[in-house]
Protein backbone atom coordinates (compact mmCIF):
# COMPACT_ATOMS: atom_id res chain seq x y z
CA MET A 1 0.00 0.00 0.00
CA PRO A 2 1.42 3.43 -0.93
CA LEU A 3 2.31 5.95 1.74
CA THR A 4 -0.19 8.68 2.52
CA LEU A 5 0.74 12.29 1.94
CA GLU A 6 0.98 12.79 5.69
CA GLN A 7 3.38 9.84 6.01
CA ILE A 8 5.56 11.24 3.23
CA VAL A 9 5.68 14.66 4.92
CA GLU A 10 6.58 13.03 8.22
CA GLU A 11 9.40 11.08 6.54
CA THR A 12 10.80 14.26 4.98
CA ARG A 13 11.17 15.73 8.46
CA LYS A 14 13.72 13.01 9.17
CA LEU A 15 15.94 14.02 6.24
CA PRO A 16 19.02 16.18 6.74
CA PRO A 17 18.20 19.75 5.61
CA GLU A 18 20.84 19.62 2.88
CA GLN A 19 18.90 16.80 1.14
CA LEU A 20 15.65 18.77 0.84
CA PRO A 21 16.61 20.66 -2.36
CA GLU A 22 17.34 17.36 -4.11
CA LEU A 23 14.02 15.94 -2.92
CA LEU A 24 12.17 18.97 -4.26
CA GLU A 25 13.98 18.70 -7.58
CA ARG A 26 13.07 15.02 -7.90
CA ILE A 27 9.42 15.69 -7.08
CA THR A 28 9.33 18.51 -9.63
CA LEU A 29 10.92 16.33 -12.29
CA ALA A 30 8.47 13.52 -11.55
CA ALA A 31 5.53 15.89 -11.94
CA HIS A 32 6.71 18.03 -14.85
CA GLY A 33 9.63 16.32 -16.56
CA PRO A 34 13.07 17.80 -17.10
CA LEU A 35 13.56 21.51 -17.76
CA ASP A 36 14.42 22.74 -21.20
CA PRO A 37 18.23 23.24 -21.05
CA LYS A 38 17.92 26.81 -22.38
CA ILE A 39 15.43 27.73 -19.67
CA GLU A 40 17.51 26.04 -16.98
CA GLN A 41 20.59 27.97 -18.14
CA LYS A 42 18.68 31.27 -17.92
CA TRP A 43 17.34 30.45 -14.44
CA THR A 44 20.86 29.54 -13.29
CA ALA A 45 22.25 32.80 -14.65
CA THR A 46 19.48 34.78 -12.95
CA ALA A 47 19.98 33.00 -9.61
CA THR A 48 23.75 33.50 -9.80
CA ARG A 49 23.32 37.20 -10.59
CA ARG A 50 20.79 37.69 -7.77
CA LEU A 51 23.06 35.92 -5.27
CA ALA A 52 25.96 38.16 -6.28
CA GLU A 53 23.72 41.22 -5.84
CA MET A 54 22.82 40.13 -2.31
CA GLU A 55 26.41 39.31 -1.42
CA ASN A 56 27.80 42.62 -2.67
CA GLY A 57 24.98 44.64 -1.08
CA THR A 58 23.39 45.87 -4.31
CA VAL A 59 20.05 44.51 -3.11
CA LYS A 60 18.75 43.64 0.33
CA PRO A 61 16.96 40.30 0.66
CA VAL A 62 13.41 40.32 2.04
CA PRO A 63 12.73 37.69 4.73
CA GLY A 64 10.40 34.90 3.61
CA HIS A 65 7.71 35.63 6.20
CA ILE A 66 7.43 39.22 4.97
CA THR A 67 7.24 38.10 1.34
CA SER A 68 4.56 35.54 2.23
CA ALA A 69 2.54 38.19 4.09
CA ARG A 70 2.73 40.49 1.06
CA ILE A 71 1.54 37.70 -1.25
CA ARG A 72 -1.36 36.83 1.09
CA LYS A 73 -2.38 40.49 1.13
CA ILE A 74 -2.30 40.68 -2.67
CA VAL A 75 -4.36 37.53 -3.18
CA GLY A 76 -6.70 38.39 -0.32
CA ARG A 77 -5.96 35.56 2.11
């Protein structure tokens, strides 16, 4: 019998935090297939540029809880 969603979530809590990105990538690939290499290259370039901007102080990161609150306000939840 397959695991329930709750069981899967509970099992993920046992994983080391550094394995979570790989798990998310595998779930995404299972649901949507591999990314187009051109799109993946552009996303990588954007992420690399944004990280450099945060590290050199060009931009200031916004904490996740603030971003989530802003999104909830926009969508009315």
